[in-house]
Amino acid sequence: MMEEQSQDTVGAGAARGGESVKDEEVEKENLTEMAAAGADEEDEEALPHSEILDIFEEGLARLVQDPLLCDLPIQVTLEEVNSQIALEYGQAMTVRVLKADGEIMPIVVVQNATVLDLKKAICRFMELKQQREGGVKHVSWRYVWRTYHIVFQGEKLEDDKMRLKDYGIRNRDEVTFMKRLRKK
């Protein structure tokens, strides 16, 4: 009977908002044990990097089956998916770049892109293409930009800071690589 009264007193004290020191210690121990158990579970559930990449690639492959994204390659990057979505929402445009060999590269840039942004997008497009095809490992882009102009309707795009819109370039317009003439 005495024990019941002391437990009631402790219970009543806790109900009044004050916990005994012993109860606090027990609760801290319980929390510590739960945290330790949670850390062990996280370690057990952690996937190796290769498995995470596989899961990610499977998800991207399913995404690419969407009619909106069906133009993208199988080994698509997140950057390419975002570019395609931006195109659909009118936040980006495609500039068709005609190379000297007749190949046309569809380059996606934001609506207010500069000439420098276009050049960077061309570099990225070519790097991805080379990775997928296993072609040339390194291109000296400094050499390319010293040797070739990008031309739109007879006008050279020489100022890297100027926006494409300022040159009159719109969605699906075509620009060409043109060899620079050497000065003698």
N, C-alpha and C. Protein backbone atom coordinates (compact mmCIF):
# COMPACT_ATOMS: atom_id res chain seq x y z
N MET A 1 0.81 -1.18 0.00
CA MET A 1 0.00 0.00 0.00
C MET A 1 0.86 1.25 0.00
N MET A 2 1.94 1.19 0.70
CA MET A 2 2.86 2.30 0.78
C MET A 2 3.52 2.55 -0.57
N GLU A 3 3.84 1.46 -1.27
CA GLU A 3 4.46 1.59 -2.58
C GLU A 3 3.52 2.25 -3.56
N GLU A 4 2.25 1.89 -3.50
CA GLU A 4 1.27 2.50 -4.39
C GLU A 4 1.18 3.99 -4.16
N GLN A 5 1.25 4.41 -2.91
CA GLN A 5 1.18 5.83 -2.61
C GLN A 5 2.39 6.56 -3.15
N SER A 6 3.58 5.94 -3.03
CA SER A 6 4.78 6.62 -3.52
C SER A 6 4.78 6.70 -5.05
N GLN A 7 4.26 5.66 -5.71
CA GLN A 7 4.17 5.71 -7.17
C GLN A 7 3.14 6.75 -7.59
N ASP A 8 2.05 6.83 -6.86
CA ASP A 8 1.04 7.84 -7.15
C ASP A 8 1.63 9.23 -6.97
N THR A 9 2.44 9.40 -5.99
CA THR A 9 3.06 10.69 -5.74
C THR A 9 3.98 11.05 -6.88
N VAL A 10 4.78 10.09 -7.32
CA VAL A 10 5.68 10.34 -8.45
C VAL A 10 4.86 10.63 -9.69
N GLY A 11 3.80 9.84 -9.92
CA GLY A 11 2.92 10.04 -11.07
C GLY A 11 2.26 11.39 -11.00
N ALA A 12 1.82 11.78 -9.82
CA ALA A 12 1.18 13.07 -9.66
C ALA A 12 2.16 14.20 -9.90
N GLY A 13 3.40 14.00 -9.45
CA GLY A 13 4.43 15.03 -9.68
C GLY A 13 4.70 15.19 -11.16
N ALA A 14 4.74 14.09 -11.89
CA ALA A 14 4.97 14.16 -13.33
C ALA A 14 3.79 14.80 -14.01
N ALA A 15 2.59 14.49 -13.53
CA ALA A 15 1.40 15.07 -14.14
C ALA A 15 1.34 16.56 -13.90
N ARG A 16 1.93 17.03 -12.81
CA ARG A 16 1.94 18.46 -12.53
C ARG A 16 2.98 19.19 -13.35
N GLY A 17 3.75 18.49 -14.17
CA GLY A 17 4.72 19.16 -15.04
C GLY A 17 6.15 18.96 -14.60
N GLY A 18 6.41 18.44 -13.43
CA GLY A 18 7.79 18.24 -12.99
C GLY A 18 8.13 16.77 -13.04
N GLU A 19 9.20 16.42 -13.74
CA GLU A 19 9.62 15.02 -13.77
C GLU A 19 10.74 14.84 -12.77
N SER A 20 10.84 13.68 -12.26
CA SER A 20 11.92 13.40 -11.33
C SER A 20 13.22 13.28 -12.13
N VAL A 21 14.32 13.48 -11.46
CA VAL A 21 15.64 13.40 -12.09
C VAL A 21 15.86 12.01 -12.66
N LYS A 22 15.39 11.01 -11.96
CA LYS A 22 15.57 9.63 -12.41
C LYS A 22 14.83 9.40 -13.73
N ASP A 23 13.62 9.92 -13.85
CA ASP A 23 12.84 9.77 -15.08
C ASP A 23 13.56 10.44 -16.26
N GLU A 24 14.13 11.60 -16.02
CA GLU A 24 14.86 12.32 -17.08
C GLU A 24 16.06 11.50 -17.57
N GLU A 25 16.78 10.91 -16.59
CA GLU A 25 17.95 10.11 -16.95
C GLU A 25 17.55 8.89 -17.78
N VAL A 26 16.47 8.24 -17.37
CA VAL A 26 15.99 7.06 -18.10
C VAL A 26 15.60 7.46 -19.52
N GLU A 27 14.91 8.59 -19.65
CA GLU A 27 14.49 9.05 -20.98
C GLU A 27 15.70 9.39 -21.86
N LYS A 28 16.71 10.02 -21.28
CA LYS A 28 17.93 10.34 -22.04
C LYS A 28 18.61 9.07 -22.53
N GLU A 29 18.66 8.07 -21.64
CA GLU A 29 19.27 6.79 -22.03
C GLU A 29 18.49 6.16 -23.19
N ASN A 30 17.17 6.20 -23.09
CA ASN A 30 16.32 5.62 -24.14
C ASN A 30 16.58 6.34 -25.48
N LEU A 31 16.65 7.66 -25.44
CA LEU A 31 16.91 8.42 -26.66
C LEU A 31 18.27 8.09 -27.24
N THR A 32 19.27 7.97 -26.37
CA THR A 32 20.62 7.63 -26.83
C THR A 32 20.64 6.26 -27.49
N GLU A 33 19.94 5.29 -26.85
CA GLU A 33 19.89 3.95 -27.43
C GLU A 33 19.17 3.95 -28.78
N MET A 34 18.09 4.72 -28.86
CA MET A 34 17.35 4.80 -30.13
C MET A 34 18.20 5.43 -31.22
N ALA A 35 18.95 6.46 -30.86
CA ALA A 35 19.81 7.11 -31.84
C ALA A 35 20.90 6.17 -32.32
N ALA A 36 21.47 5.41 -31.38
CA ALA A 36 22.51 4.45 -31.75
C ALA A 36 21.93 3.37 -32.66
N ALA A 37 20.74 2.88 -32.32
CA ALA A 37 20.09 1.86 -33.15
C ALA A 37 19.78 2.42 -34.53
N GLY A 38 19.33 3.68 -34.58
CA GLY A 38 19.04 4.32 -35.87
C GLY A 38 20.28 4.47 -36.71
N ALA A 39 21.41 4.80 -36.08
CA ALA A 39 22.67 4.94 -36.82
C ALA A 39 23.09 3.59 -37.40
N ASP A 40 22.90 2.51 -36.59
CA ASP A 40 23.24 1.18 -37.10
C ASP A 40 22.36 0.82 -38.29
N GLU A 41 21.05 1.14 -38.19
CA GLU A 41 20.14 0.84 -39.30
C GLU A 41 20.52 1.62 -40.55
N GLU A 42 20.91 2.89 -40.39
CA GLU A 42 21.32 3.69 -41.55
C GLU A 42 22.54 3.09 -42.22
N ASP A 43 23.50 2.61 -41.40
CA ASP A 43 24.70 2.00 -41.98
C ASP A 43 24.33 0.74 -42.75
N GLU A 44 23.39 -0.03 -42.19
CA GLU A 44 22.99 -1.26 -42.86
C GLU A 44 22.22 -0.96 -44.14
N GLU A 45 21.43 0.14 -44.15
CA GLU A 45 20.61 0.47 -45.30
C GLU A 45 21.36 1.25 -46.37
N ALA A 46 22.54 1.77 -46.06
CA ALA A 46 23.29 2.57 -47.01
C ALA A 46 23.67 1.73 -48.23
N LEU A 47 23.42 2.28 -49.41
CA LEU A 47 23.72 1.56 -50.64
C LEU A 47 25.08 1.99 -51.18
N PRO A 48 25.76 1.09 -51.84
CA PRO A 48 27.01 1.49 -52.49
C PRO A 48 26.73 2.49 -53.62
N HIS A 49 27.72 3.27 -53.93
CA HIS A 49 27.59 4.32 -54.95
C HIS A 49 27.12 3.75 -56.29
N SER A 50 27.66 2.61 -56.68
CA SER A 50 27.29 2.02 -57.97
C SER A 50 25.81 1.65 -58.02
N GLU A 51 25.26 1.16 -56.90
CA GLU A 51 23.83 0.82 -56.88
C GLU A 51 22.97 2.07 -56.97
N ILE A 52 23.39 3.13 -56.31
CA ILE A 52 22.64 4.39 -56.37
C ILE A 52 22.64 4.92 -57.80
N LEU A 53 23.78 4.85 -58.47
CA LEU A 53 23.86 5.28 -59.87
C LEU A 53 22.93 4.44 -60.75
N ASP A 54 22.91 3.14 -60.52
CA ASP A 54 22.03 2.26 -61.30
C ASP A 54 20.56 2.65 -61.11
N ILE A 55 20.16 2.90 -59.87
CA ILE A 55 18.78 3.30 -59.58
C ILE A 55 18.46 4.61 -60.27
N PHE A 56 19.39 5.56 -60.19
CA PHE A 56 19.21 6.87 -60.83
C PHE A 56 19.07 6.73 -62.34
N GLU A 57 19.94 5.93 -62.95
CA GLU A 57 19.89 5.74 -64.41
C GLU A 57 18.60 5.05 -64.84
N GLU A 58 18.11 4.10 -64.03
CA GLU A 58 16.84 3.45 -64.35
C GLU A 58 15.70 4.46 -64.31
N GLY A 59 15.72 5.33 -63.32
CA GLY A 59 14.70 6.37 -63.22
C GLY A 59 14.75 7.32 -64.39
N LEU A 60 15.96 7.71 -64.80
CA LEU A 60 16.09 8.59 -65.96
C LEU A 60 15.63 7.90 -67.23
N ALA A 61 15.93 6.61 -67.35
CA ALA A 61 15.49 5.87 -68.54
C ALA A 61 13.96 5.86 -68.63
N ARG A 62 13.29 5.72 -67.49
CA ARG A 62 11.82 5.76 -67.48
C ARG A 62 11.33 7.16 -67.85
N LEU A 63 12.03 8.17 -67.37
CA LEU A 63 11.66 9.55 -67.69
C LEU A 63 11.75 9.81 -69.19
N VAL A 64 12.79 9.29 -69.81
CA VAL A 64 13.03 9.53 -71.23
C VAL A 64 11.96 8.89 -72.10
N GLN A 65 11.22 7.94 -71.57
CA GLN A 65 10.15 7.32 -72.34
C GLN A 65 8.94 8.24 -72.47
N ASP A 66 8.90 9.31 -71.69
CA ASP A 66 7.82 10.30 -71.78
C ASP A 66 7.86 10.95 -73.16
N PRO A 67 6.70 11.19 -73.80
CA PRO A 67 6.69 11.79 -75.14
C PRO A 67 7.40 13.15 -75.20
N LEU A 68 7.37 13.89 -74.11
CA LEU A 68 8.04 15.18 -74.06
C LEU A 68 9.55 15.05 -74.15
N LEU A 69 10.09 13.96 -73.60
CA LEU A 69 11.54 13.79 -73.51
C LEU A 69 12.08 12.70 -74.43
N CYS A 70 11.27 12.19 -75.34
CA CYS A 70 11.67 11.05 -76.15
C CYS A 70 12.81 11.36 -77.13
N ASP A 71 13.11 12.64 -77.38
CA ASP A 71 14.21 12.99 -78.28
C ASP A 71 15.57 12.85 -77.62
N LEU A 72 15.60 12.67 -76.32
CA LEU A 72 16.86 12.60 -75.59
C LEU A 72 17.50 11.23 -75.73
N PRO A 73 18.84 11.18 -75.63
CA PRO A 73 19.53 9.89 -75.72
C PRO A 73 19.28 9.04 -74.48
N ILE A 74 19.59 7.74 -74.59
CA ILE A 74 19.34 6.81 -73.49
C ILE A 74 20.19 7.17 -72.27
N GLN A 75 21.45 7.54 -72.48
CA GLN A 75 22.33 7.90 -71.35
C GLN A 75 22.20 9.39 -71.07
N VAL A 76 21.00 9.83 -70.85
CA VAL A 76 20.70 11.25 -70.68
C VAL A 76 21.25 11.76 -69.35
N THR A 77 21.60 13.04 -69.34
CA THR A 77 22.03 13.68 -68.10
C THR A 77 20.88 14.52 -67.55
N LEU A 78 20.95 14.83 -66.29
CA LEU A 78 19.92 15.65 -65.67
C LEU A 78 19.88 17.03 -66.33
N GLU A 79 21.04 17.52 -66.72
CA GLU A 79 21.13 18.80 -67.42
C GLU A 79 20.31 18.79 -68.72
N GLU A 80 20.38 17.69 -69.45
CA GLU A 80 19.64 17.58 -70.70
C GLU A 80 18.13 17.50 -70.45
N VAL A 81 17.73 16.80 -69.40
CA VAL A 81 16.31 16.72 -69.05
C VAL A 81 15.80 18.12 -68.69
N ASN A 82 16.56 18.83 -67.86
CA ASN A 82 16.15 20.19 -67.47
C ASN A 82 16.07 21.12 -68.67
N SER A 83 17.00 20.98 -69.60
CA SER A 83 16.99 21.81 -70.81
C SER A 83 15.74 21.54 -71.64
N GLN A 84 15.38 20.28 -71.77
CA GLN A 84 14.20 19.91 -72.55
C GLN A 84 12.93 20.45 -71.90
N ILE A 85 12.88 20.38 -70.59
CA ILE A 85 11.71 20.91 -69.88
C ILE A 85 11.65 22.43 -70.03
N ALA A 86 12.80 23.10 -69.94
CA ALA A 86 12.85 24.55 -70.12
C ALA A 86 12.39 24.93 -71.53
N LEU A 87 12.75 24.12 -72.53
CA LEU A 87 12.29 24.35 -73.90
C LEU A 87 10.77 24.30 -73.96
N GLU A 88 10.20 23.29 -73.32
CA GLU A 88 8.75 23.09 -73.36
C GLU A 88 8.02 24.27 -72.71
N TYR A 89 8.59 24.83 -71.68
CA TYR A 89 7.97 25.96 -70.99
C TYR A 89 8.34 27.31 -71.58
N GLY A 90 9.11 27.32 -72.66
CA GLY A 90 9.47 28.57 -73.31
C GLY A 90 10.57 29.35 -72.61
N GLN A 91 11.28 28.70 -71.71
CA GLN A 91 12.35 29.36 -70.97
C GLN A 91 13.69 29.22 -71.68
N ALA A 92 13.73 28.40 -72.72
CA ALA A 92 14.97 28.16 -73.46
C ALA A 92 14.65 28.10 -74.95
N MET A 93 15.70 28.11 -75.75
CA MET A 93 15.52 27.99 -77.20
C MET A 93 16.60 27.08 -77.76
N THR A 94 16.32 26.55 -78.94
CA THR A 94 17.28 25.71 -79.64
C THR A 94 17.93 26.53 -80.73
N VAL A 95 19.26 26.54 -80.71
CA VAL A 95 20.01 27.18 -81.79
C VAL A 95 20.67 26.06 -82.57
N ARG A 96 20.41 26.01 -83.85
CA ARG A 96 20.97 24.96 -84.70
C ARG A 96 22.34 25.43 -85.19
N VAL A 97 23.38 24.70 -84.82
CA VAL A 97 24.74 25.07 -85.20
C VAL A 97 25.21 24.15 -86.32
N LEU A 98 25.49 24.76 -87.47
CA LEU A 98 25.94 24.02 -88.64
C LEU A 98 27.45 23.97 -88.67
N LYS A 99 27.99 22.74 -88.62
CA LYS A 99 29.45 22.58 -88.69
C LYS A 99 29.90 22.54 -90.15
N ALA A 100 31.19 22.67 -90.35
CA ALA A 100 31.76 22.68 -91.70
C ALA A 100 31.50 21.35 -92.44
N ASP A 101 31.39 20.24 -91.71
CA ASP A 101 31.16 18.94 -92.34
C ASP A 101 29.68 18.70 -92.66
N GLY A 102 28.82 19.69 -92.38
CA GLY A 102 27.40 19.57 -92.70
C GLY A 102 26.54 19.09 -91.55
N GLU A 103 27.15 18.65 -90.47
CA GLU A 103 26.39 18.18 -89.31
C GLU A 103 25.73 19.37 -88.61
N ILE A 104 24.49 19.17 -88.21
CA ILE A 104 23.77 20.21 -87.47
C ILE A 104 23.63 19.77 -86.02
N MET A 105 24.10 20.63 -85.12
CA MET A 105 24.02 20.34 -83.68
C MET A 105 22.89 21.18 -83.08
N PRO A 106 21.88 20.54 -82.50
CA PRO A 106 20.82 21.31 -81.82
C PRO A 106 21.29 21.70 -80.42
N ILE A 107 21.59 22.96 -80.21
CA ILE A 107 22.12 23.44 -78.95
C ILE A 107 21.02 24.19 -78.20
N VAL A 108 20.77 23.79 -76.97
CA VAL A 108 19.74 24.42 -76.15
C VAL A 108 20.39 25.43 -75.21
N VAL A 109 19.88 26.68 -75.26
CA VAL A 109 20.36 27.74 -74.37
C VAL A 109 19.14 28.48 -73.81
N VAL A 110 19.34 29.18 -72.71
CA VAL A 110 18.24 29.97 -72.13
C VAL A 110 17.89 31.11 -73.06
N GLN A 111 16.70 31.68 -72.89
CA GLN A 111 16.21 32.73 -73.79
C GLN A 111 17.13 33.95 -73.85
N ASN A 112 17.70 34.35 -72.73
CA ASN A 112 18.53 35.54 -72.72
C ASN A 112 20.03 35.20 -72.73
N ALA A 113 20.39 34.13 -73.41
CA ALA A 113 21.77 33.66 -73.45
C ALA A 113 22.67 34.63 -74.21
N THR A 114 23.94 34.64 -73.81
CA THR A 114 24.95 35.44 -74.51
C THR A 114 25.69 34.53 -75.49
N VAL A 115 26.56 35.14 -76.27
CA VAL A 115 27.39 34.37 -77.21
C VAL A 115 28.27 33.40 -76.42
N LEU A 116 28.78 33.85 -75.28
CA LEU A 116 29.61 32.98 -74.45
C LEU A 116 28.81 31.77 -73.95
N ASP A 117 27.56 31.99 -73.57
CA ASP A 117 26.70 30.87 -73.14
C ASP A 117 26.52 29.87 -74.28
N LEU A 118 26.36 30.37 -75.50
CA LEU A 118 26.22 29.49 -76.66
C LEU A 118 27.50 28.68 -76.86
N LYS A 119 28.65 29.33 -76.74
CA LYS A 119 29.92 28.62 -76.90
C LYS A 119 30.08 27.54 -75.84
N LYS A 120 29.73 27.85 -74.60
CA LYS A 120 29.83 26.85 -73.53
C LYS A 120 28.88 25.68 -73.79
N ALA A 121 27.68 25.98 -74.28
CA ALA A 121 26.71 24.93 -74.58
C ALA A 121 27.22 24.04 -75.72
N ILE A 122 27.87 24.64 -76.70
CA ILE A 122 28.46 23.86 -77.80
C ILE A 122 29.52 22.92 -77.26
N CYS A 123 30.38 23.44 -76.38
CA CYS A 123 31.43 22.62 -75.77
C CYS A 123 30.81 21.45 -75.01
N ARG A 124 29.80 21.72 -74.21
CA ARG A 124 29.16 20.68 -73.41
C ARG A 124 28.49 19.63 -74.31
N PHE A 125 27.82 20.09 -75.37
CA PHE A 125 27.18 19.18 -76.32
C PHE A 125 28.22 18.24 -76.93
N MET A 126 29.35 18.80 -77.36
CA MET A 126 30.39 17.98 -77.99
C MET A 126 31.03 17.02 -77.00
N GLU A 127 31.23 17.46 -75.77
CA GLU A 127 31.81 16.57 -74.76
C GLU A 127 30.90 15.37 -74.51
N LEU A 128 29.61 15.63 -74.36
CA LEU A 128 28.66 14.54 -74.14
C LEU A 128 28.61 13.60 -75.33
N LYS A 129 28.63 14.17 -76.52
CA LYS A 129 28.61 13.36 -77.74
C LYS A 129 29.84 12.46 -77.82
N GLN A 130 31.01 13.03 -77.50
CA GLN A 130 32.24 12.24 -77.54
C GLN A 130 32.24 11.14 -76.49
N GLN A 131 31.71 11.43 -75.31
CA GLN A 131 31.63 10.40 -74.27
C GLN A 131 30.76 9.25 -74.71
N ARG A 132 29.65 9.56 -75.36
CA ARG A 132 28.70 8.52 -75.78
C ARG A 132 29.24 7.71 -76.94
N GLU A 133 29.99 8.36 -77.81
CA GLU A 133 30.50 7.66 -79.00
C GLU A 133 31.90 7.12 -78.79
N GLY A 134 32.56 7.52 -77.71
CA GLY A 134 33.92 7.05 -77.45
C GLY A 134 34.93 7.63 -78.42
N GLY A 135 34.70 8.85 -78.87
CA GLY A 135 35.57 9.49 -79.86
C GLY A 135 36.76 10.19 -79.25
N VAL A 136 37.15 11.30 -79.85
CA VAL A 136 38.30 12.09 -79.42
C VAL A 136 38.16 12.43 -77.95
N LYS A 137 39.26 12.30 -77.22
CA LYS A 137 39.21 12.52 -75.78
C LYS A 137 39.29 14.00 -75.40
N HIS A 138 40.00 14.79 -76.17
CA HIS A 138 40.18 16.19 -75.78
C HIS A 138 40.13 17.10 -77.01
N VAL A 139 39.40 18.18 -76.88
CA VAL A 139 39.34 19.20 -77.93
C VAL A 139 39.85 20.49 -77.31
N SER A 140 40.74 21.15 -78.01
CA SER A 140 41.23 22.44 -77.54
C SER A 140 40.25 23.51 -77.99
N TRP A 141 39.36 23.89 -77.09
CA TRP A 141 38.34 24.87 -77.46
C TRP A 141 38.94 26.25 -77.66
N ARG A 142 40.04 26.53 -76.99
CA ARG A 142 40.72 27.80 -77.23
C ARG A 142 41.16 27.88 -78.69
N TYR A 143 41.67 26.78 -79.20
CA TYR A 143 42.07 26.72 -80.60
C TYR A 143 40.85 26.87 -81.53
N VAL A 144 39.76 26.18 -81.19
CA VAL A 144 38.55 26.24 -82.02
C VAL A 144 38.06 27.67 -82.12
N TRP A 145 37.97 28.37 -80.98
CA TRP A 145 37.44 29.73 -81.00
C TRP A 145 38.40 30.72 -81.62
N ARG A 146 39.70 30.40 -81.65
CA ARG A 146 40.67 31.25 -82.36
C ARG A 146 40.60 31.01 -83.86
N THR A 147 40.20 29.80 -84.27
CA THR A 147 40.24 29.41 -85.67
C THR A 147 38.90 29.63 -86.38
N TYR A 148 37.79 29.59 -85.65
CA TYR A 148 36.47 29.68 -86.26
C TYR A 148 35.64 30.81 -85.65
N HIS A 149 34.81 31.40 -86.48
CA HIS A 149 33.78 32.35 -86.03
C HIS A 149 32.47 31.59 -85.97
N ILE A 150 31.56 32.10 -85.18
CA ILE A 150 30.16 31.68 -85.28
C ILE A 150 29.48 32.81 -86.02
N VAL A 151 28.75 32.46 -87.08
CA VAL A 151 28.15 33.47 -87.96
C VAL A 151 26.64 33.25 -88.03
N PHE A 152 25.90 34.37 -87.96
CA PHE A 152 24.45 34.33 -88.14
C PHE A 152 24.08 35.35 -89.21
N GLN A 153 23.53 34.87 -90.31
CA GLN A 153 23.10 35.70 -91.44
C GLN A 153 24.20 36.67 -91.86
N GLY A 154 25.41 36.14 -92.00
CA GLY A 154 26.54 36.93 -92.48
C GLY A 154 27.23 37.78 -91.43
N GLU A 155 26.69 37.84 -90.22
CA GLU A 155 27.27 38.66 -89.15
C GLU A 155 28.02 37.75 -88.17
N LYS A 156 29.28 38.10 -87.89
CA LYS A 156 30.09 37.33 -86.95
C LYS A 156 29.67 37.65 -85.52
N LEU A 157 29.53 36.62 -84.74
CA LEU A 157 29.19 36.78 -83.32
C LEU A 157 30.50 36.90 -82.54
N GLU A 158 31.05 38.08 -82.51
CA GLU A 158 32.39 38.27 -81.93
C GLU A 158 32.36 38.69 -80.47
N ASP A 159 31.33 39.42 -80.05
CA ASP A 159 31.27 39.92 -78.68
C ASP A 159 30.64 38.87 -77.78
N ASP A 160 31.45 38.23 -76.93
CA ASP A 160 30.97 37.16 -76.06
C ASP A 160 29.92 37.63 -75.06
N LYS A 161 29.90 38.92 -74.74
CA LYS A 161 28.97 39.42 -73.74
C LYS A 161 27.62 39.83 -74.33
N MET A 162 27.55 39.89 -75.64
CA MET A 162 26.32 40.32 -76.30
C MET A 162 25.30 39.17 -76.32
N ARG A 163 24.04 39.50 -76.10
CA ARG A 163 23.00 38.48 -76.08
C ARG A 163 22.67 38.03 -77.51
N LEU A 164 22.26 36.78 -77.62
CA LEU A 164 21.89 36.23 -78.93
C LEU A 164 20.70 36.99 -79.51
N LYS A 165 19.77 37.40 -78.66
CA LYS A 165 18.60 38.17 -79.12
C LYS A 165 19.03 39.47 -79.78
N ASP A 166 20.11 40.07 -79.28
CA ASP A 166 20.60 41.33 -79.85
C ASP A 166 21.12 41.14 -81.28
N TYR A 167 21.55 39.93 -81.59
CA TYR A 167 21.96 39.61 -82.96
C TYR A 167 20.76 39.20 -83.81
N GLY A 168 19.59 39.07 -83.19
CA GLY A 168 18.39 38.67 -83.91
C GLY A 168 18.16 37.17 -83.94
N ILE A 169 18.89 36.43 -83.13
CA ILE A 169 18.76 34.97 -83.11
C ILE A 169 17.56 34.58 -82.24
N ARG A 170 16.69 33.77 -82.82
CA ARG A 170 15.49 33.29 -82.15
C ARG A 170 15.49 31.76 -82.12
N ASN A 171 14.46 31.19 -81.54
CA ASN A 171 14.34 29.74 -81.45
C ASN A 171 14.40 29.10 -82.84
N ARG A 172 15.17 28.05 -82.97
CA ARG A 172 15.35 27.24 -84.18
C ARG A 172 16.10 27.97 -85.30
N ASP A 173 16.73 29.10 -85.01
CA ASP A 173 17.56 29.76 -86.03
C ASP A 173 18.87 28.99 -86.17
N GLU A 174 19.50 29.17 -87.32
CA GLU A 174 20.72 28.44 -87.62
C GLU A 174 21.92 29.38 -87.66
N VAL A 175 22.98 28.98 -86.95
CA VAL A 175 24.26 29.69 -87.02
C VAL A 175 25.28 28.71 -87.59
N THR A 176 26.35 29.24 -88.16
CA THR A 176 27.35 28.36 -88.77
C THR A 176 28.74 28.65 -88.21
N PHE A 177 29.56 27.60 -88.24
CA PHE A 177 30.98 27.76 -87.95
C PHE A 177 31.62 28.20 -89.25
N MET A 178 32.39 29.26 -89.21
CA MET A 178 33.08 29.72 -90.40
C MET A 178 34.55 29.94 -90.05
N LYS A 179 35.41 29.37 -90.88
CA LYS A 179 36.85 29.49 -90.65
C LYS A 179 37.28 30.94 -90.72
N ARG A 180 38.09 31.37 -89.78
CA ARG A 180 38.61 32.72 -89.79
C ARG A 180 39.68 32.84 -90.85
N LEU A 181 39.73 33.96 -91.51
CA LEU A 181 40.78 34.20 -92.48
C LEU A 181 42.00 34.74 -91.74
N ARG A 182 43.16 34.24 -92.12
CA ARG A 182 44.40 34.69 -91.47
C ARG A 182 44.76 36.08 -91.97
N LYS A 183 45.21 36.89 -91.07
CA LYS A 183 45.67 38.23 -91.43
C LYS A 183 47.12 38.13 -91.81
N LYS A 184 47.47 38.75 -92.94
CA LYS A 184 48.87 38.69 -93.38
C LYS A 184 49.56 40.00 -93.17
